[in-house]
């Protein structure tokens, strides 16, 4: 019998703020509070026009925040380290940045990073409207080096603040848009599993978009010798015991004391799949069991799907129908 402990998969409530300021000093104080550091803002001396100075909307959950920002006029800033991996997507205006010898200049429909997460930097903005994505550096480092978040060496150093090419920039934009419309949407059902997946997805795309010093783990001589069925069974048992928790490939590898590459090899050789694909099928199976036993007057497909890590109900329905030959709503009504 499967006992589903919904406390292990509790919903998260993203924090949402939206403010507007006409006074520059009030806007600066607000931004200092939001970012937890001194930004040292300075308006251009000739720019003293009245009216809206700042519009700022933020949605934050766990290690991830996405913002929509409008900053009027010409503004200089010399912030202390912000301790976030931060990238911007400009919709209008211009923003330039300099940090430790790296520079970026970003205008309409371009993306860029602004700084190294642990170093001070300088920016100049002119009537800028932009989407800003902020990630916990530990998440990015964990993804970069295939280790659990709490064991990740910090920080990852970016060697350029501009994308490697146009295709990489497009992938970054599409990924940010996807997370904004699903995980960060006002009506989204958000769980720790969903947040963890979205954060690692954004981190992986960030690392592939902006050049950095993190290198993929090299092959090790013992990787293939570690690929024994007993270790595979232990990996599956760990995944099953943590199906409602936010676990990564690195966590699975750490649990059975082998490298992430060894885990991948085991699953390819013995199960013809990847570890995370196997984990997704496992969670789909448990979602199926919960739907079969659910009370349709109190439970919904969206809530059950989110509890098992499927943030997009439509994609969950397609995968479910392909696997079980009927829609999840049919199972719930059965």
C-alpha atoms as a PDB file:
ATOM      1  CA  UNK A   1       0.000   0.000   0.000  1.00  0.00           C
ATOM      2  CA  UNK A   2       1.294   3.461  -0.882  1.00  0.00           C
ATOM      3  CA  UNK A   3       0.805   6.071   1.835  1.00  0.00           C
ATOM      4  CA  UNK A   4       1.148   9.565   0.439  1.00  0.00           C
ATOM      5  CA  UNK A   5       2.354  12.125   2.957  1.00  0.00           C
ATOM      6  CA  UNK A   6       1.217  15.442   1.535  1.00  0.00           C
ATOM      7  CA  UNK A   7       3.245  17.273   4.198  1.00  0.00           C
ATOM      8  CA  UNK A   8       6.386  16.225   2.307  1.00  0.00           C
ATOM      9  CA  UNK A   9       5.078  17.930  -0.807  1.00  0.00           C
ATOM     10  CA  UNK A  10       3.493  21.037   0.702  1.00  0.00           C
ATOM     11  CA  UNK A  11       2.672  23.930  -1.556  1.00  0.00           C
ATOM     12  CA  UNK A  12       4.848  27.018  -1.583  1.00  0.00           C
ATOM     13  CA  UNK A  13       3.452  30.507  -1.846  1.00  0.00           C
ATOM     14  CA  UNK A  14       5.556  32.768  -4.059  1.00  0.00           C
ATOM     15  CA  UNK A  15       5.932  36.270  -2.684  1.00  0.00           C
ATOM     16  CA  UNK A  16       4.707  38.987  -5.043  1.00  0.00           C
ATOM     17  CA  UNK A  17       5.351  42.712  -4.791  1.00  0.00           C
ATOM     18  CA  UNK A  18       4.525  45.565  -7.146  1.00  0.00           C
ATOM     19  CA  UNK A  19       5.425  49.177  -6.374  1.00  0.00           C
ATOM     20  CA  UNK A  20       5.796  52.546  -8.075  1.00  0.00           C
ATOM     21  CA  UNK A  21       7.774  55.568  -6.888  1.00  0.00           C
ATOM     22  CA  UNK A  22       7.860  59.169  -8.021  1.00  0.00           C
ATOM     23  CA  UNK A  23      10.519  60.140  -5.461  1.00  0.00           C
ATOM     24  CA  UNK A  24      14.078  59.057  -6.284  1.00  0.00           C
ATOM     25  CA  UNK A  25      15.196  58.752  -2.653  1.00  0.00           C
ATOM     26  CA  UNK A  26      12.243  56.498  -1.825  1.00  0.00           C
ATOM     27  CA  UNK A  27      12.987  54.365  -4.893  1.00  0.00           C
ATOM     28  CA  UNK A  28      16.627  53.968  -3.855  1.00  0.00           C
ATOM     29  CA  UNK A  29      15.689  52.948  -0.305  1.00  0.00           C
ATOM     30  CA  UNK A  30      13.232  50.371  -1.624  1.00  0.00           C
ATOM     31  CA  UNK A  31      15.791  48.836  -3.991  1.00  0.00           C
ATOM     32  CA  UNK A  32      18.427  48.703  -1.261  1.00  0.00           C
ATOM     33  CA  UNK A  33      15.963  46.777   0.899  1.00  0.00           C
ATOM     34  CA  UNK A  34      14.939  44.413  -1.911  1.00  0.00           C
ATOM     35  CA  UNK A  35      18.499  43.456  -2.845  1.00  0.00           C
ATOM     36  CA  UNK A  36      19.874  43.587   0.685  1.00  0.00           C
ATOM     37  CA  UNK A  37      22.807  45.782  -0.264  1.00  0.00           C
ATOM     38  CA  UNK A  38      23.701  49.388  -0.977  1.00  0.00           C
ATOM     39  CA  UNK A  39      23.171  50.270  -4.656  1.00  0.00           C
ATOM     40  CA  UNK A  40      24.502  53.852  -4.402  1.00  0.00           C
ATOM     41  CA  UNK A  41      22.178  55.253  -7.055  1.00  0.00           C
ATOM     42  CA  UNK A  42      22.859  58.611  -8.661  1.00  0.00           C
ATOM     43  CA  UNK A  43      20.685  60.474 -11.158  1.00  0.00           C
ATOM     44  CA  UNK A  44      22.259  62.468 -13.969  1.00  0.00           C
ATOM     45  CA  UNK A  45      22.482  66.100 -12.837  1.00  0.00           C
ATOM     46  CA  UNK A  46      20.457  67.380 -15.777  1.00  0.00           C
ATOM     47  CA  UNK A  47      17.681  64.830 -15.264  1.00  0.00           C
ATOM     48  CA  UNK A  48      15.342  66.294 -12.622  1.00  0.00           C
ATOM     49  CA  UNK A  49      12.015  65.695 -14.323  1.00  0.00           C
ATOM     50  CA  UNK A  50       8.987  64.852 -12.225  1.00  0.00           C
ATOM     51  CA  UNK A  51       6.817  61.797 -12.700  1.00  0.00           C
ATOM     52  CA  UNK A  52       7.360  58.078 -12.329  1.00  0.00           C
ATOM     53  CA  UNK A  53      10.914  57.146 -11.314  1.00  0.00           C
ATOM     54  CA  UNK A  54      10.647  53.414 -10.642  1.00  0.00           C
ATOM     55  CA  UNK A  55       8.174  50.633 -11.347  1.00  0.00           C
ATOM     56  CA  UNK A  56       9.210  47.308  -9.817  1.00  0.00           C
ATOM     57  CA  UNK A  57       7.322  43.995  -9.795  1.00  0.00           C
ATOM     58  CA  UNK A  58       8.881  40.870  -8.282  1.00  0.00           C
ATOM     59  CA  UNK A  59       7.846  37.251  -7.913  1.00  0.00           C
ATOM     60  CA  UNK A  60      10.166  35.220  -5.692  1.00  0.00           C
ATOM     61  CA  UNK A  61      10.096  31.648  -4.437  1.00  0.00           C
ATOM     62  CA  UNK A  62      12.938  29.643  -2.907  1.00  0.00           C
ATOM     63  CA  UNK A  63      16.256  30.366  -4.662  1.00  0.00           C
ATOM     64  CA  UNK A  64      14.597  32.087  -7.640  1.00  0.00           C
ATOM     65  CA  UNK A  65      13.238  35.558  -8.363  1.00  0.00           C
ATOM     66  CA  UNK A  66      11.952  37.122 -11.582  1.00  0.00           C
ATOM     67  CA  UNK A  67      11.373  40.866 -11.794  1.00  0.00           C
ATOM     68  CA  UNK A  68       9.930  43.425 -14.182  1.00  0.00           C
ATOM     69  CA  UNK A  69      11.697  46.760 -13.741  1.00  0.00           C
ATOM     70  CA  UNK A  70      11.298  50.243 -15.213  1.00  0.00           C
ATOM     71  CA  UNK A  71      13.856  52.858 -14.166  1.00  0.00           C
ATOM     72  CA  UNK A  72      13.336  56.308 -15.644  1.00  0.00           C
ATOM     73  CA  UNK A  73      15.971  58.714 -16.865  1.00  0.00           C
ATOM     74  CA  UNK A  74      19.727  58.275 -16.639  1.00  0.00           C
ATOM     75  CA  UNK A  75      20.856  56.512 -13.483  1.00  0.00           C
ATOM     76  CA  UNK A  76      24.303  55.417 -12.323  1.00  0.00           C
ATOM     77  CA  UNK A  77      24.779  52.726  -9.688  1.00  0.00           C
ATOM     78  CA  UNK A  78      27.787  51.297  -7.865  1.00  0.00           C
ATOM     79  CA  UNK A  79      26.333  48.374  -5.894  1.00  0.00           C
ATOM     80  CA  UNK A  80      28.056  46.239  -3.327  1.00  0.00           C
ATOM     81  CA  UNK A  81      28.017  42.513  -4.171  1.00  0.00           C
ATOM     82  CA  UNK A  82      24.451  41.371  -4.671  1.00  0.00           C
ATOM     83  CA  UNK A  83      25.246  37.685  -3.988  1.00  0.00           C
ATOM     84  CA  UNK A  84      22.956  36.515  -6.770  1.00  0.00           C
ATOM     85  CA  UNK A  85      23.583  35.226 -10.266  1.00  0.00           C
ATOM     86  CA  UNK A  86      21.743  37.897 -12.220  1.00  0.00           C
ATOM     87  CA  UNK A  87      20.847  38.320 -15.872  1.00  0.00           C
ATOM     88  CA  UNK A  88      18.656  40.916 -17.589  1.00  0.00           C
ATOM     89  CA  UNK A  89      16.437  40.866 -20.668  1.00  0.00           C
ATOM     90  CA  UNK A  90      15.945  44.430 -21.878  1.00  0.00           C
ATOM     91  CA  UNK A  91      12.666  45.335 -23.579  1.00  0.00           C
ATOM     92  CA  UNK A  92      13.539  49.008 -24.090  1.00  0.00           C
ATOM     93  CA  UNK A  93      16.220  51.492 -23.148  1.00  0.00           C
ATOM     94  CA  UNK A  94      19.882  50.753 -22.453  1.00  0.00           C
ATOM     95  CA  UNK A  95      21.836  49.271 -19.571  1.00  0.00           C
ATOM     96  CA  UNK A  96      25.630  48.994 -19.386  1.00  0.00           C
ATOM     97  CA  UNK A  97      27.638  47.192 -16.739  1.00  0.00           C
ATOM     98  CA  UNK A  98      31.258  46.763 -15.654  1.00  0.00           C
ATOM     99  CA  UNK A  99      32.568  44.243 -13.138  1.00  0.00           C
ATOM    100  CA  UNK A 100      36.153  43.090 -12.578  1.00  0.00           C
ATOM    101  CA  UNK A 101      37.204  43.912 -16.126  1.00  0.00           C
ATOM    102  CA  UNK A 102      34.117  42.486 -17.878  1.00  0.00           C
ATOM    103  CA  UNK A 103      31.661  44.779 -19.649  1.00  0.00           C
ATOM    104  CA  UNK A 104      28.234  44.511 -21.231  1.00  0.00           C
ATOM    105  CA  UNK A 105      25.965  46.922 -23.091  1.00  0.00           C
ATOM    106  CA  UNK A 106      22.398  45.764 -23.575  1.00  0.00           C
ATOM    107  CA  UNK A 107      19.514  47.331 -25.452  1.00  0.00           C
ATOM    108  CA  UNK A 108      16.131  46.313 -26.854  1.00  0.00           C
ATOM    109  CA  UNK A 109      15.513  42.538 -26.868  1.00  0.00           C
ATOM    110  CA  UNK A 110      19.064  41.716 -25.793  1.00  0.00           C
ATOM    111  CA  UNK A 111      20.191  39.780 -22.726  1.00  0.00           C
ATOM    112  CA  UNK A 112      23.285  40.076 -20.551  1.00  0.00           C
ATOM    113  CA  UNK A 113      24.688  39.467 -17.119  1.00  0.00           C
ATOM    114  CA  UNK A 114      25.526  42.446 -14.934  1.00  0.00           C
ATOM    115  CA  UNK A 115      28.127  41.153 -12.476  1.00  0.00           C
ATOM    116  CA  UNK A 116      29.886  38.313 -10.759  1.00  0.00           C
ATOM    117  CA  UNK A 117      27.642  37.358  -7.831  1.00  0.00           C
ATOM    118  CA  UNK A 118      30.204  38.114  -5.123  1.00  0.00           C
ATOM    119  CA  UNK A 119      31.886  41.214  -6.555  1.00  0.00           C
ATOM    120  CA  UNK A 120      30.923  44.917  -6.679  1.00  0.00           C
ATOM    121  CA  UNK A 121      30.039  46.384 -10.053  1.00  0.00           C
ATOM    122  CA  UNK A 122      28.897  49.552 -11.818  1.00  0.00           C
ATOM    123  CA  UNK A 123      25.897  50.124 -14.068  1.00  0.00           C
ATOM    124  CA  UNK A 124      24.423  52.913 -16.138  1.00  0.00           C
ATOM    125  CA  UNK A 125      20.802  52.834 -17.273  1.00  0.00           C
ATOM    126  CA  UNK A 126      18.809  55.044 -19.597  1.00  0.00           C
ATOM    127  CA  UNK A 127      14.993  54.726 -19.485  1.00  0.00           C
ATOM    128  CA  UNK A 128      15.369  50.983 -19.114  1.00  0.00           C
ATOM    129  CA  UNK A 129      12.570  48.423 -19.029  1.00  0.00           C
ATOM    130  CA  UNK A 130      13.808  44.925 -18.356  1.00  0.00           C
ATOM    131  CA  UNK A 131      13.095  41.501 -16.949  1.00  0.00           C
ATOM    132  CA  UNK A 132      15.644  40.465 -14.332  1.00  0.00           C
ATOM    133  CA  UNK A 133      16.325  36.865 -13.291  1.00  0.00           C
ATOM    134  CA  UNK A 134      18.106  36.216  -9.994  1.00  0.00           C
ATOM    135  CA  UNK A 135      19.338  32.802  -8.824  1.00  0.00           C
ATOM    136  CA  UNK A 136      21.049  31.553  -5.687  1.00  0.00           C
ATOM    137  CA  UNK A 137      24.756  31.095  -6.589  1.00  0.00           C
ATOM    138  CA  UNK A 138      24.766  27.744  -4.748  1.00  0.00           C
ATOM    139  CA  UNK A 139      22.167  26.359  -7.165  1.00  0.00           C
ATOM    140  CA  UNK A 140      24.197  27.466 -10.175  1.00  0.00           C
ATOM    141  CA  UNK A 141      27.417  26.059  -8.730  1.00  0.00           C
ATOM    142  CA  UNK A 142      25.714  22.780  -7.873  1.00  0.00           C
ATOM    143  CA  UNK A 143      24.441  22.365 -11.417  1.00  0.00           C
ATOM    144  CA  UNK A 144      27.782  23.414 -12.900  1.00  0.00           C
ATOM    145  CA  UNK A 145      29.788  20.882 -10.945  1.00  0.00           C
ATOM    146  CA  UNK A 146      27.225  18.090 -10.484  1.00  0.00           C
ATOM    147  CA  UNK A 147      27.290  18.183  -6.711  1.00  0.00           C
ATOM    148  CA  UNK A 148      24.514  18.708  -4.154  1.00  0.00           C
ATOM    149  CA  UNK A 149      23.697  22.350  -3.543  1.00  0.00           C
ATOM    150  CA  UNK A 150      25.070  22.376   0.017  1.00  0.00           C
ATOM    151  CA  UNK A 151      28.406  20.935  -1.167  1.00  0.00           C
ATOM    152  CA  UNK A 152      28.937  23.229  -4.146  1.00  0.00           C
ATOM    153  CA  UNK A 153      32.173  25.242  -4.170  1.00  0.00           C
ATOM    154  CA  UNK A 154      31.466  28.921  -4.719  1.00  0.00           C
ATOM    155  CA  UNK A 155      31.417  30.886  -6.818  1.00  0.00           C
ATOM    156  CA  UNK A 156      31.153  30.061 -10.504  1.00  0.00           C
ATOM    157  CA  UNK A 157      33.079  32.712 -12.413  1.00  0.00           C
ATOM    158  CA  UNK A 158      31.588  33.976 -15.663  1.00  0.00           C
ATOM    159  CA  UNK A 159      34.178  34.864 -18.299  1.00  0.00           C
ATOM    160  CA  UNK A 160      31.798  36.943 -20.420  1.00  0.00           C
ATOM    161  CA  UNK A 161      28.576  38.801 -19.672  1.00  0.00           C
ATOM    162  CA  UNK A 162      27.210  38.344 -23.200  1.00  0.00           C
ATOM    163  CA  UNK A 163      25.690  35.145 -24.671  1.00  0.00           C
ATOM    164  CA  UNK A 164      27.859  32.725 -26.599  1.00  0.00           C
ATOM    165  CA  UNK A 165      25.609  33.120 -29.652  1.00  0.00           C
ATOM    166  CA  UNK A 166      22.080  34.035 -30.785  1.00  0.00           C
ATOM    167  CA  UNK A 167      20.763  30.472 -30.384  1.00  0.00           C
ATOM    168  CA  UNK A 168      21.900  30.413 -26.753  1.00  0.00           C
ATOM    169  CA  UNK A 169      20.238  33.771 -26.127  1.00  0.00           C
ATOM    170  CA  UNK A 170      16.987  32.495 -27.657  1.00  0.00           C
ATOM    171  CA  UNK A 171      17.055  29.378 -25.478  1.00  0.00           C
ATOM    172  CA  UNK A 172      17.547  31.548 -22.398  1.00  0.00           C
ATOM    173  CA  UNK A 173      14.598  33.762 -23.350  1.00  0.00           C
ATOM    174  CA  UNK A 174      12.332  30.774 -24.057  1.00  0.00           C
ATOM    175  CA  UNK A 175      13.268  29.136 -20.748  1.00  0.00           C
ATOM    176  CA  UNK A 176      12.657  32.292 -18.733  1.00  0.00           C
ATOM    177  CA  UNK A 177       9.321  32.806 -20.491  1.00  0.00           C
ATOM    178  CA  UNK A 178       8.342  29.191 -19.744  1.00  0.00           C
ATOM    179  CA  UNK A 179       9.176  29.480 -16.034  1.00  0.00           C
ATOM    180  CA  UNK A 180       7.392  32.844 -15.815  1.00  0.00           C
ATOM    181  CA  UNK A 181       4.208  31.501 -17.387  1.00  0.00           C
ATOM    182  CA  UNK A 182       4.097  28.236 -15.444  1.00  0.00           C
ATOM    183  CA  UNK A 183       5.965  28.113 -12.137  1.00  0.00           C
ATOM    184  CA  UNK A 184       5.662  31.852 -11.418  1.00  0.00           C
ATOM    185  CA  UNK A 185       2.124  32.336 -12.766  1.00  0.00           C
ATOM    186  CA  UNK A 186      -0.468  33.660 -10.274  1.00  0.00           C
ATOM    187  CA  UNK A 187      -2.591  30.495 -10.515  1.00  0.00           C
ATOM    188  CA  UNK A 188       0.316  28.023 -10.483  1.00  0.00           C
ATOM    189  CA  UNK A 189       0.429  25.228  -7.910  1.00  0.00           C
ATOM    190  CA  UNK A 190       3.997  25.442  -6.626  1.00  0.00           C
ATOM    191  CA  UNK A 191       5.761  22.734  -4.620  1.00  0.00           C
ATOM    192  CA  UNK A 192       9.407  22.383  -3.500  1.00  0.00           C
ATOM    193  CA  UNK A 193       9.858  19.803  -6.249  1.00  0.00           C
ATOM    194  CA  UNK A 194       8.640  22.201  -8.927  1.00  0.00           C
ATOM    195  CA  UNK A 195      10.777  25.072  -7.599  1.00  0.00           C
ATOM    196  CA  UNK A 196      13.875  22.885  -7.456  1.00  0.00           C
ATOM    197  CA  UNK A 197      13.394  21.693 -11.013  1.00  0.00           C
ATOM    198  CA  UNK A 198      12.756  25.219 -12.337  1.00  0.00           C
ATOM    199  CA  UNK A 199      15.775  26.642 -10.511  1.00  0.00           C
ATOM    200  CA  UNK A 200      18.128  23.951 -11.826  1.00  0.00           C
ATOM    201  CA  UNK A 201      16.688  24.339 -15.319  1.00  0.00           C
ATOM    202  CA  UNK A 202      17.376  28.074 -15.291  1.00  0.00           C
ATOM    203  CA  UNK A 203      20.837  27.478 -13.829  1.00  0.00           C
ATOM    204  CA  UNK A 204      21.696  24.964 -16.551  1.00  0.00           C
ATOM    205  CA  UNK A 205      20.525  27.337 -19.290  1.00  0.00           C
ATOM    206  CA  UNK A 206      22.390  30.231 -17.654  1.00  0.00           C
ATOM    207  CA  UNK A 207      25.586  28.174 -17.694  1.00  0.00           C
ATOM    208  CA  UNK A 208      25.136  27.176 -21.331  1.00  0.00           C
ATOM    209  CA  UNK A 209      24.322  30.748 -22.382  1.00  0.00           C
ATOM    210  CA  UNK A 210      27.080  32.721 -20.652  1.00  0.00           C
ATOM    211  CA  UNK A 211      30.715  31.496 -20.788  1.00  0.00           C
ATOM    212  CA  UNK A 212      32.077  30.453 -17.387  1.00  0.00           C
ATOM    213  CA  UNK A 213      34.934  28.644 -15.688  1.00  0.00           C
ATOM    214  CA  UNK A 214      32.946  25.585 -14.575  1.00  0.00           C
ATOM    215  CA  UNK A 215      33.929  22.514 -16.545  1.00  0.00           C
ATOM    216  CA  UNK A 216      32.069  19.253 -16.859  1.00  0.00           C
ATOM    217  CA  UNK A 217      33.341  16.505 -14.634  1.00  0.00           C
ATOM    218  CA  UNK A 218      35.871  14.417 -16.499  1.00  0.00           C
ATOM    219  CA  UNK A 219      35.540  10.706 -16.983  1.00  0.00           C
ATOM    220  CA  UNK A 220      36.997   8.611 -14.182  1.00  0.00           C
ATOM    221  CA  UNK A 221      38.522   5.177 -14.466  1.00  0.00           C
ATOM    222  CA  UNK A 222      36.179   3.702 -11.883  1.00  0.00           C
ATOM    223  CA  UNK A 223      32.977   4.971 -13.462  1.00  0.00           C
ATOM    224  CA  UNK A 224      32.305   1.763 -15.378  1.00  0.00           C
ATOM    225  CA  UNK A 225      33.467  -0.521 -12.554  1.00  0.00           C
ATOM    226  CA  UNK A 226      30.900   1.145 -10.266  1.00  0.00           C
ATOM    227  CA  UNK A 227      28.056   0.168 -12.600  1.00  0.00           C
ATOM    228  CA  UNK A 228      26.920  -2.875 -10.631  1.00  0.00           C
ATOM    229  CA  UNK A 229      23.293  -4.013 -10.254  1.00  0.00           C
ATOM    230  CA  UNK A 230      23.471  -3.703  -6.452  1.00  0.00           C
ATOM    231  CA  UNK A 231      24.288  -0.001  -6.805  1.00  0.00           C
ATOM    232  CA  UNK A 232      21.519   0.395  -9.320  1.00  0.00           C
ATOM    233  CA  UNK A 233      19.053  -1.114  -6.848  1.00  0.00           C
ATOM    234  CA  UNK A 234      20.273   1.251  -4.153  1.00  0.00           C
ATOM    235  CA  UNK A 235      19.868   4.210  -6.502  1.00  0.00           C
ATOM    236  CA  UNK A 236      16.297   3.178  -7.353  1.00  0.00           C
ATOM    237  CA  UNK A 237      15.509   2.643  -3.663  1.00  0.00           C
ATOM    238  CA  UNK A 238      16.838   6.122  -2.841  1.00  0.00           C
ATOM    239  CA  UNK A 239      14.761   7.654  -5.631  1.00  0.00           C
ATOM    240  CA  UNK A 240      11.653   5.795  -4.472  1.00  0.00           C
ATOM    241  CA  UNK A 241      12.143   6.913  -0.865  1.00  0.00           C
ATOM    242  CA  UNK A 242      12.569  10.514  -2.022  1.00  0.00           C
ATOM    243  CA  UNK A 243      10.011  10.637  -4.809  1.00  0.00           C
ATOM    244  CA  UNK A 244       8.221  13.566  -3.154  1.00  0.00           C
ATOM    245  CA  UNK A 245      11.452  15.427  -2.401  1.00  0.00           C
ATOM    246  CA  UNK A 246      13.508  17.750  -4.579  1.00  0.00           C
ATOM    247  CA  UNK A 247      16.479  15.546  -5.523  1.00  0.00           C
ATOM    248  CA  UNK A 248      19.003  15.906  -8.318  1.00  0.00           C
ATOM    249  CA  UNK A 249      21.370  13.585 -10.142  1.00  0.00           C
ATOM    250  CA  UNK A 250      24.112  14.701  -7.741  1.00  0.00           C
ATOM    251  CA  UNK A 251      21.980  13.737  -4.734  1.00  0.00           C
ATOM    252  CA  UNK A 252      21.387  10.250  -6.163  1.00  0.00           C
ATOM    253  CA  UNK A 253      25.098   9.800  -6.788  1.00  0.00           C
ATOM    254  CA  UNK A 254      26.015  11.014  -3.293  1.00  0.00           C
ATOM    255  CA  UNK A 255      23.516   8.594  -1.711  1.00  0.00           C
ATOM    256  CA  UNK A 256      25.226   5.549  -3.246  1.00  0.00           C
ATOM    257  CA  UNK A 257      28.778   6.970  -3.109  1.00  0.00           C
ATOM    258  CA  UNK A 258      29.585   7.039  -6.831  1.00  0.00           C
ATOM    259  CA  UNK A 259      29.980   9.799  -9.397  1.00  0.00           C
ATOM    260  CA  UNK A 260      27.044  11.277 -11.315  1.00  0.00           C
ATOM    261  CA  UNK A 261      28.593   9.850 -14.485  1.00  0.00           C
ATOM    262  CA  UNK A 262      28.509   6.369 -12.951  1.00  0.00           C
ATOM    263  CA  UNK A 263      24.825   6.741 -12.118  1.00  0.00           C
ATOM    264  CA  UNK A 264      24.056   7.781 -15.684  1.00  0.00           C
ATOM    265  CA  UNK A 265      25.983   4.814 -17.059  1.00  0.00           C
ATOM    266  CA  UNK A 266      24.162   2.360 -14.787  1.00  0.00           C
ATOM    267  CA  UNK A 267      20.743   3.528 -15.910  1.00  0.00           C
ATOM    268  CA  UNK A 268      21.705   3.587 -19.592  1.00  0.00           C
ATOM    269  CA  UNK A 269      23.230   0.098 -19.454  1.00  0.00           C
ATOM    270  CA  UNK A 270      20.639  -1.710 -17.331  1.00  0.00           C
ATOM    271  CA  UNK A 271      17.411   0.264 -17.843  1.00  0.00           C
ATOM    272  CA  UNK A 272      18.000   2.011 -21.197  1.00  0.00           C
ATOM    273  CA  UNK A 273      17.030   5.364 -19.724  1.00  0.00           C
ATOM    274  CA  UNK A 274      18.475   8.231 -17.717  1.00  0.00           C
ATOM    275  CA  UNK A 275      18.168   8.553 -13.934  1.00  0.00           C
ATOM    276  CA  UNK A 276      15.931  11.621 -14.138  1.00  0.00           C
ATOM    277  CA  UNK A 277      13.689  10.041 -16.783  1.00  0.00           C
ATOM    278  CA  UNK A 278      13.306   7.028 -14.505  1.00  0.00           C
ATOM    279  CA  UNK A 279      12.475   9.347 -11.589  1.00  0.00           C
ATOM    280  CA  UNK A 280       9.855  11.102 -13.696  1.00  0.00           C
ATOM    281  CA  UNK A 281       8.224   7.777 -14.597  1.00  0.00           C
ATOM    282  CA  UNK A 282       8.271   6.821 -10.919  1.00  0.00           C
ATOM    283  CA  UNK A 283       6.526  10.046  -9.969  1.00  0.00           C
ATOM    284  CA  UNK A 284       4.032   9.592 -12.795  1.00  0.00           C
ATOM    285  CA  UNK A 285       3.238   6.132 -11.390  1.00  0.00           C
ATOM    286  CA  UNK A 286       2.569   7.561  -7.938  1.00  0.00           C
ATOM    287  CA  UNK A 287       0.456  10.351  -9.436  1.00  0.00           C
ATOM    288  CA  UNK A 288      -1.551   7.639 -11.203  1.00  0.00           C
ATOM    289  CA  UNK A 289      -2.066   5.779  -7.914  1.00  0.00           C
ATOM    290  CA  UNK A 290      -3.161   8.965  -6.172  1.00  0.00           C
ATOM    291  CA  UNK A 291      -5.561   9.886  -8.973  1.00  0.00           C
ATOM    292  CA  UNK A 292      -7.077   6.390  -8.814  1.00  0.00           C
ATOM    293  CA  UNK A 293      -7.713   6.725  -5.076  1.00  0.00           C
ATOM    294  CA  UNK A 294      -8.595  10.435  -4.984  1.00  0.00           C
ATOM    295  CA  UNK A 295     -11.876  12.030  -3.983  1.00  0.00           C
ATOM    296  CA  UNK A 296     -12.980  13.945  -7.064  1.00  0.00           C
ATOM    297  CA  UNK A 297     -15.094  16.317  -4.934  1.00  0.00           C
ATOM    298  CA  UNK A 298     -11.995  17.565  -3.085  1.00  0.00           C
ATOM    299  CA  UNK A 299      -8.955  16.712  -5.244  1.00  0.00           C
ATOM    300  CA  UNK A 300      -7.913  18.113  -8.614  1.00  0.00           C
ATOM    301  CA  UNK A 301      -5.610  16.909 -11.368  1.00  0.00           C
ATOM    302  CA  UNK A 302      -3.592  20.130 -11.136  1.00  0.00           C
ATOM    303  CA  UNK A 303      -2.884  19.713  -7.416  1.00  0.00           C
ATOM    304  CA  UNK A 304      -1.980  16.040  -7.707  1.00  0.00           C
ATOM    305  CA  UNK A 305       0.258  16.668 -10.736  1.00  0.00           C
ATOM    306  CA  UNK A 306       2.076  19.500  -8.944  1.00  0.00           C
ATOM    307  CA  UNK A 307       2.542  17.360  -5.853  1.00  0.00           C
ATOM    308  CA  UNK A 308       4.528  14.921  -7.974  1.00  0.00           C
ATOM    309  CA  UNK A 309       6.592  17.577  -9.731  1.00  0.00           C
ATOM    310  CA  UNK A 310       4.546  18.242 -12.890  1.00  0.00           C
ATOM    311  CA  UNK A 311       4.062  22.010 -13.031  1.00  0.00           C
ATOM    312  CA  UNK A 312       2.434  22.128 -16.488  1.00  0.00           C
ATOM    313  CA  UNK A 313      -0.919  20.335 -16.327  1.00  0.00           C
ATOM    314  CA  UNK A 314      -1.228  20.101 -20.116  1.00  0.00           C
ATOM    315  CA  UNK A 315       2.123  18.366 -20.550  1.00  0.00           C
ATOM    316  CA  UNK A 316       1.313  16.106 -17.605  1.00  0.00           C
ATOM    317  CA  UNK A 317      -1.952  15.117 -19.328  1.00  0.00           C
ATOM    318  CA  UNK A 318      -0.148  14.263 -22.575  1.00  0.00           C
ATOM    319  CA  UNK A 319       2.434  12.118 -20.773  1.00  0.00           C
ATOM    320  CA  UNK A 320      -0.275  10.489 -18.657  1.00  0.00           C
ATOM    321  CA  UNK A 321      -2.457   9.612 -21.656  1.00  0.00           C
ATOM    322  CA  UNK A 322       0.549   8.202 -23.523  1.00  0.00           C
ATOM    323  CA  UNK A 323       1.400   5.992 -20.529  1.00  0.00           C
ATOM    324  CA  UNK A 324      -2.040   4.938 -19.263  1.00  0.00           C
ATOM    325  CA  UNK A 325      -4.239   5.285 -22.350  1.00  0.00           C
ATOM    326  CA  UNK A 326      -6.635   7.796 -20.833  1.00  0.00           C
ATOM    327  CA  UNK A 327      -6.635  11.318 -19.490  1.00  0.00           C
ATOM    328  CA  UNK A 328      -5.888  11.983 -15.810  1.00  0.00           C
ATOM    329  CA  UNK A 329      -9.350  13.539 -15.479  1.00  0.00           C
ATOM    330  CA  UNK A 330     -10.897  10.248 -16.574  1.00  0.00           C
ATOM    331  CA  UNK A 331      -8.906   8.391 -13.911  1.00  0.00           C
ATOM    332  CA  UNK A 332      -9.962  10.930 -11.287  1.00  0.00           C
ATOM    333  CA  UNK A 333     -13.651  10.569 -12.228  1.00  0.00           C
ATOM    334  CA  UNK A 334     -13.444   6.767 -12.338  1.00  0.00           C
END
